[in-house]
């Protein structure tokens, strides 16, 4: 059973809903991730297909944002 009600759930952002490790992803993409960070992120990514897709979306967004002038 979930401890939050539907209204609270709807207010959560995507990273909270899917337990996305934004801090690890941002360190990875900026080149500041430690080997421990990378191992943790790889483990999270392997937990589900959804996690893999989310990481790919962040990578794509990161790459595209570098092309904006």
C-alpha atoms as a PDB file:
ATOM      1  CA  UNK A   1       0.000   0.000   0.000  1.00  0.00           C
ATOM      2  CA  UNK A   2       1.277   3.456  -0.882  1.00  0.00           C
ATOM      3  CA  UNK A   3       1.657   6.126   1.799  1.00  0.00           C
ATOM      4  CA  UNK A   4       0.627   9.013  -0.472  1.00  0.00           C
ATOM      5  CA  UNK A   5      -2.791   9.814  -1.842  1.00  0.00           C
ATOM      6  CA  UNK A   6      -3.594  10.374  -5.506  1.00  0.00           C
ATOM      7  CA  UNK A   7      -3.573  14.159  -5.145  1.00  0.00           C
ATOM      8  CA  UNK A   8      -0.059  14.128  -3.683  1.00  0.00           C
ATOM      9  CA  UNK A   9       1.090  11.705  -6.364  1.00  0.00           C
ATOM     10  CA  UNK A  10      -0.168  13.971  -9.124  1.00  0.00           C
ATOM     11  CA  UNK A  11       1.823  16.877  -7.675  1.00  0.00           C
ATOM     12  CA  UNK A  12       5.095  14.945  -7.771  1.00  0.00           C
ATOM     13  CA  UNK A  13       7.499  15.558 -10.610  1.00  0.00           C
ATOM     14  CA  UNK A  14       8.646  12.729 -12.859  1.00  0.00           C
ATOM     15  CA  UNK A  15      11.898  12.147 -10.980  1.00  0.00           C
ATOM     16  CA  UNK A  16       9.980  11.595  -7.747  1.00  0.00           C
ATOM     17  CA  UNK A  17       7.402   9.305  -9.358  1.00  0.00           C
ATOM     18  CA  UNK A  18      10.011   7.031 -10.873  1.00  0.00           C
ATOM     19  CA  UNK A  19      12.749   7.467  -8.262  1.00  0.00           C
ATOM     20  CA  UNK A  20      15.130   8.902 -10.867  1.00  0.00           C
ATOM     21  CA  UNK A  21      18.594   9.607  -9.435  1.00  0.00           C
ATOM     22  CA  UNK A  22      18.882  13.088 -10.957  1.00  0.00           C
ATOM     23  CA  UNK A  23      22.028  13.873  -8.958  1.00  0.00           C
ATOM     24  CA  UNK A  24      23.823  10.823 -10.370  1.00  0.00           C
ATOM     25  CA  UNK A  25      22.644  11.486 -13.908  1.00  0.00           C
ATOM     26  CA  UNK A  26      23.767  15.113 -13.795  1.00  0.00           C
ATOM     27  CA  UNK A  27      27.209  14.134 -12.470  1.00  0.00           C
ATOM     28  CA  UNK A  28      27.542  11.489 -15.182  1.00  0.00           C
ATOM     29  CA  UNK A  29      26.574  13.857 -17.981  1.00  0.00           C
ATOM     30  CA  UNK A  30      28.826  16.645 -16.723  1.00  0.00           C
ATOM     31  CA  UNK A  31      31.788  14.289 -16.425  1.00  0.00           C
ATOM     32  CA  UNK A  32      31.943  14.606 -12.639  1.00  0.00           C
ATOM     33  CA  UNK A  33      30.694  11.123 -11.677  1.00  0.00           C
ATOM     34  CA  UNK A  34      32.876   8.956  -9.464  1.00  0.00           C
ATOM     35  CA  UNK A  35      33.272   5.244 -10.136  1.00  0.00           C
ATOM     36  CA  UNK A  36      30.799   4.648  -7.296  1.00  0.00           C
ATOM     37  CA  UNK A  37      28.295   7.038  -8.915  1.00  0.00           C
ATOM     38  CA  UNK A  38      28.635   5.221 -12.234  1.00  0.00           C
ATOM     39  CA  UNK A  39      28.171   1.812 -10.605  1.00  0.00           C
ATOM     40  CA  UNK A  40      25.061   3.034  -8.775  1.00  0.00           C
ATOM     41  CA  UNK A  41      23.602   4.511 -11.946  1.00  0.00           C
ATOM     42  CA  UNK A  42      24.326   1.364 -13.946  1.00  0.00           C
ATOM     43  CA  UNK A  43      22.596  -0.694 -11.266  1.00  0.00           C
ATOM     44  CA  UNK A  44      19.567   1.617 -11.320  1.00  0.00           C
ATOM     45  CA  UNK A  45      19.481   1.499 -15.131  1.00  0.00           C
ATOM     46  CA  UNK A  46      19.403  -2.317 -15.114  1.00  0.00           C
ATOM     47  CA  UNK A  47      16.443  -2.434 -12.719  1.00  0.00           C
ATOM     48  CA  UNK A  48      13.917  -1.824 -15.494  1.00  0.00           C
ATOM     49  CA  UNK A  49      13.394  -0.972 -19.120  1.00  0.00           C
ATOM     50  CA  UNK A  50      11.723   2.252 -17.988  1.00  0.00           C
ATOM     51  CA  UNK A  51      14.899   3.298 -16.145  1.00  0.00           C
ATOM     52  CA  UNK A  52      16.977   2.630 -19.261  1.00  0.00           C
ATOM     53  CA  UNK A  53      14.608   4.748 -21.349  1.00  0.00           C
ATOM     54  CA  UNK A  54      14.661   7.593 -18.817  1.00  0.00           C
ATOM     55  CA  UNK A  55      18.466   7.643 -18.806  1.00  0.00           C
ATOM     56  CA  UNK A  56      18.553   7.686 -22.603  1.00  0.00           C
ATOM     57  CA  UNK A  57      16.111  10.604 -22.631  1.00  0.00           C
ATOM     58  CA  UNK A  58      18.333  12.580 -20.275  1.00  0.00           C
ATOM     59  CA  UNK A  59      21.406  11.788 -22.378  1.00  0.00           C
ATOM     60  CA  UNK A  60      19.613  12.917 -25.542  1.00  0.00           C
ATOM     61  CA  UNK A  61      18.423  16.119 -23.882  1.00  0.00           C
ATOM     62  CA  UNK A  62      21.946  16.809 -22.598  1.00  0.00           C
ATOM     63  CA  UNK A  63      23.434  16.337 -26.063  1.00  0.00           C
ATOM     64  CA  UNK A  64      20.811  18.567 -27.698  1.00  0.00           C
ATOM     65  CA  UNK A  65      21.212  21.291 -25.103  1.00  0.00           C
ATOM     66  CA  UNK A  66      24.886  21.584 -26.025  1.00  0.00           C
ATOM     67  CA  UNK A  67      23.876  22.456 -29.579  1.00  0.00           C
ATOM     68  CA  UNK A  68      21.719  25.394 -28.539  1.00  0.00           C
ATOM     69  CA  UNK A  69      23.343  28.765 -29.077  1.00  0.00           C
END
